[in-house]
Amino acid sequence: MNEEKVVEFANTIYQNAKVGMQSIHDIEDKISNRELLKELRSEYLEYEKISNKVEDYAKEHNLEIKDNNFFEKAKLWTSIKMSTMTDNSTRKIAQLLLIGTVMGLSQCYKDKFDYKQVDEKLYNTLLELEELQDKNFTNIKKFLNSDLQ
């Protein structure tokens, strides 16, 4: 097993989950719909479980994993704040969350191909992340019509 590839794989899963957590954290204060807030808090906990699983794996295998850098975090925060500055409706927030979820899913699909033979435990964690994001997409898309009812 190539340790460099394992670290790279662990990092991509970890950073994907952390982006989900940060996105939820950064947008929480803009949400007025209680159902959406409840959904996102549940999603946050699931992303946290996955990131903790990768952290535990890294400790167990004496690997150094890295969170997203400051500039990536700042870029995400700025994007969310700018996108909700003039429209923080439930519909707009759901749209932003769906875009982010699709980005996370596309990373999972890419990683499934790129890291299939690297590590079975990490691969299963990646599949968990993909399943979570797929479920999140389904759960969030219903909020696109929230402001229309």
N, C-alpha and C. Protein backbone atom coordinates (compact mmCIF):
# COMPACT_ATOMS: atom_id res chain seq x y z
N MET A 1 0.85 -1.18 0.00
CA MET A 1 0.00 0.00 0.00
C MET A 1 0.90 1.24 0.00
N ASN A 2 0.68 2.12 -0.94
CA ASN A 2 1.45 3.35 -1.08
C ASN A 2 0.95 4.37 -0.05
N GLU A 3 1.79 4.69 0.94
CA GLU A 3 1.37 5.58 2.03
C GLU A 3 0.97 6.96 1.52
N GLU A 4 1.67 7.46 0.54
CA GLU A 4 1.34 8.78 -0.03
C GLU A 4 -0.07 8.78 -0.61
N LYS A 5 -0.44 7.72 -1.29
CA LYS A 5 -1.78 7.60 -1.89
C LYS A 5 -2.84 7.48 -0.80
N VAL A 6 -2.50 6.77 0.28
CA VAL A 6 -3.44 6.62 1.40
C VAL A 6 -3.69 7.97 2.05
N VAL A 7 -2.65 8.73 2.28
CA VAL A 7 -2.79 10.06 2.88
C VAL A 7 -3.63 10.96 1.97
N GLU A 8 -3.35 10.91 0.69
CA GLU A 8 -4.10 11.69 -0.29
C GLU A 8 -5.59 11.32 -0.26
N PHE A 9 -5.87 10.02 -0.19
CA PHE A 9 -7.24 9.52 -0.15
C PHE A 9 -7.94 9.96 1.14
N ALA A 10 -7.26 9.79 2.27
CA ALA A 10 -7.83 10.22 3.55
C ALA A 10 -8.12 11.71 3.53
N ASN A 11 -7.21 12.49 2.97
CA ASN A 11 -7.40 13.94 2.91
C ASN A 11 -8.60 14.33 2.06
N THR A 12 -8.79 13.68 0.93
CA THR A 12 -9.90 14.07 0.07
C THR A 12 -11.25 13.78 0.72
N ILE A 13 -11.35 12.66 1.42
CA ILE A 13 -12.59 12.35 2.14
C ILE A 13 -12.80 13.34 3.28
N TYR A 14 -11.73 13.55 4.04
CA TYR A 14 -11.79 14.45 5.20
C TYR A 14 -12.18 15.87 4.78
N GLN A 15 -11.54 16.37 3.75
CA GLN A 15 -11.81 17.73 3.30
C GLN A 15 -13.21 17.87 2.71
N ASN A 16 -13.69 16.86 2.04
CA ASN A 16 -15.04 16.87 1.50
C ASN A 16 -16.06 16.98 2.64
N ALA A 17 -15.89 16.16 3.66
CA ALA A 17 -16.79 16.20 4.82
C ALA A 17 -16.68 17.55 5.55
N LYS A 18 -15.47 18.06 5.69
CA LYS A 18 -15.27 19.34 6.38
C LYS A 18 -15.91 20.50 5.62
N VAL A 19 -15.90 20.46 4.28
CA VAL A 19 -16.56 21.50 3.49
C VAL A 19 -18.07 21.46 3.77
N GLY A 20 -18.63 20.26 3.85
CA GLY A 20 -20.05 20.14 4.19
C GLY A 20 -20.35 20.76 5.54
N MET A 21 -19.50 20.47 6.51
CA MET A 21 -19.68 21.02 7.86
C MET A 21 -19.56 22.54 7.85
N GLN A 22 -18.53 23.05 7.17
CA GLN A 22 -18.32 24.50 7.14
C GLN A 22 -19.47 25.21 6.44
N SER A 23 -19.94 24.64 5.34
CA SER A 23 -21.04 25.25 4.60
C SER A 23 -22.27 25.39 5.48
N ILE A 24 -22.58 24.34 6.21
CA ILE A 24 -23.74 24.37 7.11
C ILE A 24 -23.50 25.42 8.20
N HIS A 25 -22.33 25.41 8.78
CA HIS A 25 -22.01 26.38 9.83
C HIS A 25 -22.12 27.83 9.31
N ASP A 26 -21.60 28.06 8.11
CA ASP A 26 -21.57 29.41 7.55
C ASP A 26 -22.95 29.92 7.14
N ILE A 27 -23.88 29.03 6.85
CA ILE A 27 -25.18 29.47 6.35
C ILE A 27 -26.28 29.41 7.41
N GLU A 28 -26.00 28.75 8.51
CA GLU A 28 -27.00 28.56 9.58
C GLU A 28 -27.70 29.84 10.00
N ASP A 29 -26.95 30.92 10.16
CA ASP A 29 -27.53 32.16 10.66
C ASP A 29 -28.46 32.84 9.66
N LYS A 30 -28.48 32.37 8.43
CA LYS A 30 -29.35 32.94 7.39
C LYS A 30 -30.68 32.20 7.27
N ILE A 31 -30.81 31.09 7.96
CA ILE A 31 -31.96 30.21 7.78
C ILE A 31 -33.10 30.56 8.75
N SER A 32 -34.27 30.80 8.17
CA SER A 32 -35.44 31.07 8.99
C SER A 32 -36.40 29.88 9.01
N ASN A 33 -36.26 28.97 8.08
CA ASN A 33 -37.13 27.80 8.00
C ASN A 33 -36.65 26.74 8.99
N ARG A 34 -37.48 26.45 9.97
CA ARG A 34 -37.08 25.52 11.04
C ARG A 34 -36.83 24.10 10.54
N GLU A 35 -37.62 23.67 9.56
CA GLU A 35 -37.41 22.33 9.01
C GLU A 35 -36.05 22.22 8.32
N LEU A 36 -35.70 23.25 7.56
CA LEU A 36 -34.40 23.24 6.88
C LEU A 36 -33.27 23.28 7.91
N LEU A 37 -33.43 24.08 8.92
CA LEU A 37 -32.41 24.16 9.97
C LEU A 37 -32.23 22.81 10.67
N LYS A 38 -33.35 22.15 10.95
CA LYS A 38 -33.30 20.83 11.58
C LYS A 38 -32.58 19.84 10.66
N GLU A 39 -32.90 19.87 9.37
CA GLU A 39 -32.26 19.00 8.39
C GLU A 39 -30.75 19.24 8.37
N LEU A 40 -30.35 20.50 8.32
CA LEU A 40 -28.92 20.82 8.24
C LEU A 40 -28.17 20.45 9.50
N ARG A 41 -28.79 20.60 10.63
CA ARG A 41 -28.12 20.20 11.88
C ARG A 41 -27.90 18.69 11.92
N SER A 42 -28.85 17.95 11.40
CA SER A 42 -28.71 16.50 11.30
C SER A 42 -27.59 16.15 10.32
N GLU A 43 -27.55 16.81 9.18
CA GLU A 43 -26.50 16.59 8.19
C GLU A 43 -25.13 16.91 8.77
N TYR A 44 -25.05 18.00 9.53
CA TYR A 44 -23.78 18.40 10.14
C TYR A 44 -23.22 17.26 11.00
N LEU A 45 -24.10 16.67 11.81
CA LEU A 45 -23.66 15.58 12.69
C LEU A 45 -23.16 14.38 11.89
N GLU A 46 -23.79 14.11 10.76
CA GLU A 46 -23.35 12.99 9.92
C GLU A 46 -22.00 13.28 9.26
N TYR A 47 -21.83 14.52 8.78
CA TYR A 47 -20.52 14.90 8.23
C TYR A 47 -19.44 14.80 9.31
N GLU A 48 -19.79 15.22 10.51
CA GLU A 48 -18.84 15.18 11.62
C GLU A 48 -18.43 13.74 11.94
N LYS A 49 -19.39 12.81 11.89
CA LYS A 49 -19.07 11.39 12.12
C LYS A 49 -18.06 10.89 11.09
N ILE A 50 -18.26 11.28 9.85
CA ILE A 50 -17.35 10.84 8.78
C ILE A 50 -15.97 11.46 8.97
N SER A 51 -15.92 12.75 9.28
CA SER A 51 -14.61 13.37 9.48
C SER A 51 -13.91 12.77 10.70
N ASN A 52 -14.66 12.45 11.75
CA ASN A 52 -14.06 11.80 12.92
C ASN A 52 -13.55 10.41 12.58
N LYS A 53 -14.27 9.71 11.72
CA LYS A 53 -13.85 8.37 11.30
C LYS A 53 -12.51 8.45 10.56
N VAL A 54 -12.35 9.47 9.71
CA VAL A 54 -11.09 9.64 8.99
C VAL A 54 -9.98 10.05 9.96
N GLU A 55 -10.30 10.92 10.90
CA GLU A 55 -9.30 11.31 11.91
C GLU A 55 -8.83 10.09 12.70
N ASP A 56 -9.77 9.24 13.10
CA ASP A 56 -9.41 8.02 13.85
C ASP A 56 -8.54 7.10 13.01
N TYR A 57 -8.89 6.97 11.74
CA TYR A 57 -8.09 6.15 10.82
C TYR A 57 -6.66 6.71 10.73
N ALA A 58 -6.58 8.02 10.59
CA ALA A 58 -5.26 8.66 10.46
C ALA A 58 -4.42 8.43 11.72
N LYS A 59 -5.03 8.56 12.89
CA LYS A 59 -4.30 8.32 14.14
C LYS A 59 -3.84 6.87 14.23
N GLU A 60 -4.74 5.97 13.87
CA GLU A 60 -4.45 4.54 13.93
C GLU A 60 -3.28 4.15 13.01
N HIS A 61 -3.17 4.85 11.88
CA HIS A 61 -2.13 4.54 10.90
C HIS A 61 -0.99 5.56 10.90
N ASN A 62 -0.99 6.43 11.91
CA ASN A 62 0.05 7.44 12.06
C ASN A 62 0.23 8.29 10.79
N LEU A 63 -0.91 8.79 10.30
CA LEU A 63 -0.92 9.63 9.10
C LEU A 63 -1.28 11.06 9.49
N GLU A 64 -0.76 11.99 8.73
CA GLU A 64 -1.10 13.40 8.96
C GLU A 64 -2.10 13.84 7.90
N ILE A 65 -3.32 14.14 8.36
CA ILE A 65 -4.32 14.66 7.43
C ILE A 65 -4.48 16.16 7.67
N LYS A 66 -4.94 16.84 6.64
CA LYS A 66 -5.04 18.29 6.71
C LYS A 66 -6.44 18.76 6.38
N ASP A 67 -6.90 19.72 7.15
CA ASP A 67 -8.17 20.38 6.86
C ASP A 67 -7.96 21.30 5.67
N ASN A 68 -9.03 21.81 5.12
CA ASN A 68 -8.92 22.79 4.04
C ASN A 68 -8.14 23.99 4.55
N ASN A 69 -7.39 24.63 3.68
CA ASN A 69 -6.59 25.76 4.11
C ASN A 69 -7.44 27.02 4.33
N PHE A 70 -6.85 28.00 4.94
CA PHE A 70 -7.55 29.23 5.28
C PHE A 70 -8.20 29.88 4.07
N PHE A 71 -7.52 29.89 2.95
CA PHE A 71 -8.03 30.57 1.76
C PHE A 71 -9.25 29.85 1.19
N GLU A 72 -9.25 28.53 1.23
CA GLU A 72 -10.42 27.76 0.78
C GLU A 72 -11.61 28.04 1.69
N LYS A 73 -11.36 28.08 2.99
CA LYS A 73 -12.43 28.36 3.95
C LYS A 73 -12.97 29.78 3.76
N ALA A 74 -12.07 30.72 3.57
CA ALA A 74 -12.48 32.11 3.38
C ALA A 74 -13.27 32.26 2.08
N LYS A 75 -12.85 31.56 1.06
CA LYS A 75 -13.55 31.62 -0.24
C LYS A 75 -14.97 31.08 -0.10
N LEU A 76 -15.13 29.98 0.61
CA LEU A 76 -16.45 29.40 0.84
C LEU A 76 -17.32 30.33 1.65
N TRP A 77 -16.79 30.87 2.74
CA TRP A 77 -17.53 31.79 3.60
C TRP A 77 -17.98 33.01 2.80
N THR A 78 -17.07 33.59 2.04
CA THR A 78 -17.39 34.78 1.23
C THR A 78 -18.45 34.46 0.20
N SER A 79 -18.33 33.33 -0.44
CA SER A 79 -19.30 32.92 -1.45
C SER A 79 -20.70 32.80 -0.85
N ILE A 80 -20.79 32.19 0.30
CA ILE A 80 -22.09 32.03 0.97
C ILE A 80 -22.65 33.39 1.37
N LYS A 81 -21.84 34.22 1.97
CA LYS A 81 -22.31 35.53 2.42
C LYS A 81 -22.74 36.40 1.24
N MET A 82 -21.96 36.38 0.17
CA MET A 82 -22.31 37.18 -1.01
C MET A 82 -23.58 36.66 -1.68
N SER A 83 -23.72 35.36 -1.74
CA SER A 83 -24.87 34.74 -2.41
C SER A 83 -26.18 34.96 -1.65
N THR A 84 -26.09 35.20 -0.36
CA THR A 84 -27.30 35.38 0.44
C THR A 84 -27.51 36.83 0.88
N MET A 85 -26.66 37.72 0.40
CA MET A 85 -26.73 39.12 0.82
C MET A 85 -28.08 39.75 0.44
N THR A 86 -28.52 39.54 -0.77
CA THR A 86 -29.76 40.16 -1.23
C THR A 86 -30.94 39.20 -1.22
N ASP A 87 -30.68 37.92 -1.09
CA ASP A 87 -31.76 36.92 -1.09
C ASP A 87 -31.36 35.79 -0.16
N ASN A 88 -31.95 35.77 1.02
CA ASN A 88 -31.68 34.67 1.95
C ASN A 88 -32.94 33.85 2.18
N SER A 89 -33.76 33.75 1.13
CA SER A 89 -34.98 32.95 1.21
C SER A 89 -34.60 31.47 1.35
N THR A 90 -35.53 30.71 1.85
CA THR A 90 -35.31 29.27 1.99
C THR A 90 -34.98 28.67 0.63
N ARG A 91 -35.66 29.13 -0.38
CA ARG A 91 -35.44 28.63 -1.74
C ARG A 91 -34.00 28.89 -2.21
N LYS A 92 -33.51 30.08 -1.99
CA LYS A 92 -32.15 30.44 -2.39
C LYS A 92 -31.12 29.62 -1.62
N ILE A 93 -31.34 29.47 -0.33
CA ILE A 93 -30.43 28.70 0.51
C ILE A 93 -30.42 27.24 0.06
N ALA A 94 -31.59 26.68 -0.22
CA ALA A 94 -31.67 25.31 -0.70
C ALA A 94 -30.91 25.16 -2.02
N GLN A 95 -31.05 26.13 -2.89
CA GLN A 95 -30.34 26.10 -4.17
C GLN A 95 -28.82 26.07 -3.95
N LEU A 96 -28.33 26.93 -3.07
CA LEU A 96 -26.89 26.96 -2.77
C LEU A 96 -26.42 25.63 -2.18
N LEU A 97 -27.21 25.08 -1.27
CA LEU A 97 -26.86 23.82 -0.64
C LEU A 97 -26.83 22.68 -1.66
N LEU A 98 -27.77 22.70 -2.59
CA LEU A 98 -27.79 21.67 -3.62
C LEU A 98 -26.56 21.76 -4.52
N ILE A 99 -26.17 22.96 -4.86
CA ILE A 99 -24.96 23.15 -5.68
C ILE A 99 -23.75 22.59 -4.95
N GLY A 100 -23.62 22.91 -3.67
CA GLY A 100 -22.51 22.40 -2.88
C GLY A 100 -22.54 20.89 -2.75
N THR A 101 -23.73 20.34 -2.59
CA THR A 101 -23.86 18.89 -2.46
C THR A 101 -23.46 18.19 -3.75
N VAL A 102 -23.86 18.76 -4.88
CA VAL A 102 -23.46 18.18 -6.17
C VAL A 102 -21.94 18.23 -6.33
N MET A 103 -21.32 19.30 -5.88
CA MET A 103 -19.86 19.39 -5.95
C MET A 103 -19.22 18.29 -5.09
N GLY A 104 -19.76 18.09 -3.89
CA GLY A 104 -19.25 17.04 -3.02
C GLY A 104 -19.45 15.65 -3.62
N LEU A 105 -20.63 15.43 -4.22
CA LEU A 105 -20.90 14.15 -4.86
C LEU A 105 -19.97 13.90 -6.04
N SER A 106 -19.73 14.93 -6.84
CA SER A 106 -18.84 14.73 -7.98
C SER A 106 -17.43 14.40 -7.51
N GLN A 107 -17.00 14.96 -6.40
CA GLN A 107 -15.70 14.60 -5.83
C GLN A 107 -15.70 13.14 -5.40
N CYS A 108 -16.79 12.71 -4.79
CA CYS A 108 -16.89 11.29 -4.39
C CYS A 108 -16.80 10.37 -5.60
N TYR A 109 -17.53 10.70 -6.66
CA TYR A 109 -17.51 9.86 -7.86
C TYR A 109 -16.09 9.77 -8.44
N LYS A 110 -15.42 10.90 -8.49
CA LYS A 110 -14.06 10.95 -8.99
C LYS A 110 -13.13 10.11 -8.10
N ASP A 111 -13.29 10.28 -6.78
CA ASP A 111 -12.44 9.56 -5.83
C ASP A 111 -12.69 8.05 -5.87
N LYS A 112 -13.91 7.63 -6.15
CA LYS A 112 -14.20 6.19 -6.26
C LYS A 112 -13.35 5.57 -7.36
N PHE A 113 -13.16 6.28 -8.44
CA PHE A 113 -12.34 5.78 -9.54
C PHE A 113 -10.86 5.89 -9.20
N ASP A 114 -10.45 7.05 -8.68
CA ASP A 114 -9.03 7.31 -8.44
C ASP A 114 -8.42 6.47 -7.32
N TYR A 115 -9.23 6.09 -6.32
CA TYR A 115 -8.67 5.44 -5.13
C TYR A 115 -9.25 4.06 -4.84
N LYS A 116 -9.86 3.45 -5.83
CA LYS A 116 -10.56 2.16 -5.63
C LYS A 116 -9.68 1.10 -4.97
N GLN A 117 -8.44 1.01 -5.34
CA GLN A 117 -7.56 -0.06 -4.85
C GLN A 117 -6.64 0.40 -3.71
N VAL A 118 -6.84 1.58 -3.16
CA VAL A 118 -5.89 2.12 -2.18
C VAL A 118 -6.08 1.54 -0.79
N ASP A 119 -7.30 1.60 -0.25
CA ASP A 119 -7.55 1.12 1.11
C ASP A 119 -9.04 0.83 1.27
N GLU A 120 -9.36 -0.38 1.65
CA GLU A 120 -10.76 -0.80 1.74
C GLU A 120 -11.54 -0.02 2.80
N LYS A 121 -10.93 0.21 3.94
CA LYS A 121 -11.62 0.93 5.02
C LYS A 121 -11.94 2.37 4.60
N LEU A 122 -10.97 3.04 4.01
CA LEU A 122 -11.22 4.40 3.52
C LEU A 122 -12.23 4.39 2.38
N TYR A 123 -12.16 3.39 1.53
CA TYR A 123 -13.10 3.29 0.41
C TYR A 123 -14.53 3.16 0.95
N ASN A 124 -14.71 2.37 1.99
CA ASN A 124 -16.04 2.24 2.59
C ASN A 124 -16.51 3.54 3.23
N THR A 125 -15.57 4.29 3.79
CA THR A 125 -15.91 5.60 4.35
C THR A 125 -16.32 6.55 3.23
N LEU A 126 -15.63 6.47 2.11
CA LEU A 126 -16.01 7.27 0.95
C LEU A 126 -17.42 6.92 0.49
N LEU A 127 -17.74 5.64 0.46
CA LEU A 127 -19.09 5.22 0.07
C LEU A 127 -20.14 5.75 1.05
N GLU A 128 -19.80 5.79 2.32
CA GLU A 128 -20.70 6.38 3.33
C GLU A 128 -20.94 7.86 3.04
N LEU A 129 -19.86 8.57 2.72
CA LEU A 129 -19.96 9.99 2.41
C LEU A 129 -20.82 10.20 1.17
N GLU A 130 -20.61 9.38 0.17
CA GLU A 130 -21.42 9.49 -1.05
C GLU A 130 -22.90 9.25 -0.74
N GLU A 131 -23.18 8.24 0.04
CA GLU A 131 -24.56 7.93 0.42
C GLU A 131 -25.19 9.09 1.21
N LEU A 132 -24.42 9.66 2.12
CA LEU A 132 -24.90 10.81 2.89
C LEU A 132 -25.23 11.97 1.96
N GLN A 133 -24.34 12.29 1.05
CA GLN A 133 -24.57 13.43 0.18
C GLN A 133 -25.73 13.17 -0.78
N ASP A 134 -25.90 11.95 -1.20
CA ASP A 134 -27.03 11.59 -2.05
C ASP A 134 -28.34 11.79 -1.28
N LYS A 135 -28.35 11.34 -0.04
CA LYS A 135 -29.53 11.51 0.82
C LYS A 135 -29.79 13.00 1.09
N ASN A 136 -28.71 13.75 1.34
CA ASN A 136 -28.85 15.19 1.59
C ASN A 136 -29.47 15.88 0.39
N PHE A 137 -29.04 15.51 -0.80
CA PHE A 137 -29.58 16.11 -2.02
C PHE A 137 -31.09 15.88 -2.09
N THR A 138 -31.50 14.65 -1.84
CA THR A 138 -32.93 14.32 -1.86
C THR A 138 -33.70 15.12 -0.81
N ASN A 139 -33.13 15.23 0.38
CA ASN A 139 -33.81 15.92 1.48
C ASN A 139 -33.88 17.44 1.27
N ILE A 140 -32.88 18.01 0.64
CA ILE A 140 -32.83 19.47 0.48
C ILE A 140 -33.66 19.94 -0.71
N LYS A 141 -33.74 19.15 -1.75
CA LYS A 141 -34.43 19.63 -2.96
C LYS A 141 -35.89 19.97 -2.71
N LYS A 142 -36.52 19.38 -1.69
CA LYS A 142 -37.92 19.71 -1.40
C LYS A 142 -38.07 21.15 -0.90
N PHE A 143 -36.97 21.74 -0.43
CA PHE A 143 -37.04 23.12 0.06
C PHE A 143 -36.99 24.15 -1.08
N LEU A 144 -36.79 23.69 -2.30
CA LEU A 144 -36.79 24.63 -3.44
C LEU A 144 -38.16 25.25 -3.65
N ASN A 145 -39.21 24.60 -3.20
CA ASN A 145 -40.54 25.18 -3.36
C ASN A 145 -41.09 25.78 -2.07
N SER A 146 -40.24 25.89 -1.04
CA SER A 146 -40.70 26.37 0.26
C SER A 146 -41.32 27.75 0.23
N ASP A 147 -40.77 28.69 -0.52
CA ASP A 147 -41.26 30.04 -0.53
C ASP A 147 -42.40 30.24 -1.53
N LEU A 148 -42.76 29.15 -2.21
CA LEU A 148 -43.81 29.24 -3.23
C LEU A 148 -45.16 28.77 -2.73
N GLN A 149 -45.19 28.14 -1.56
CA GLN A 149 -46.44 27.59 -1.05
C GLN A 149 -47.22 28.62 -0.27
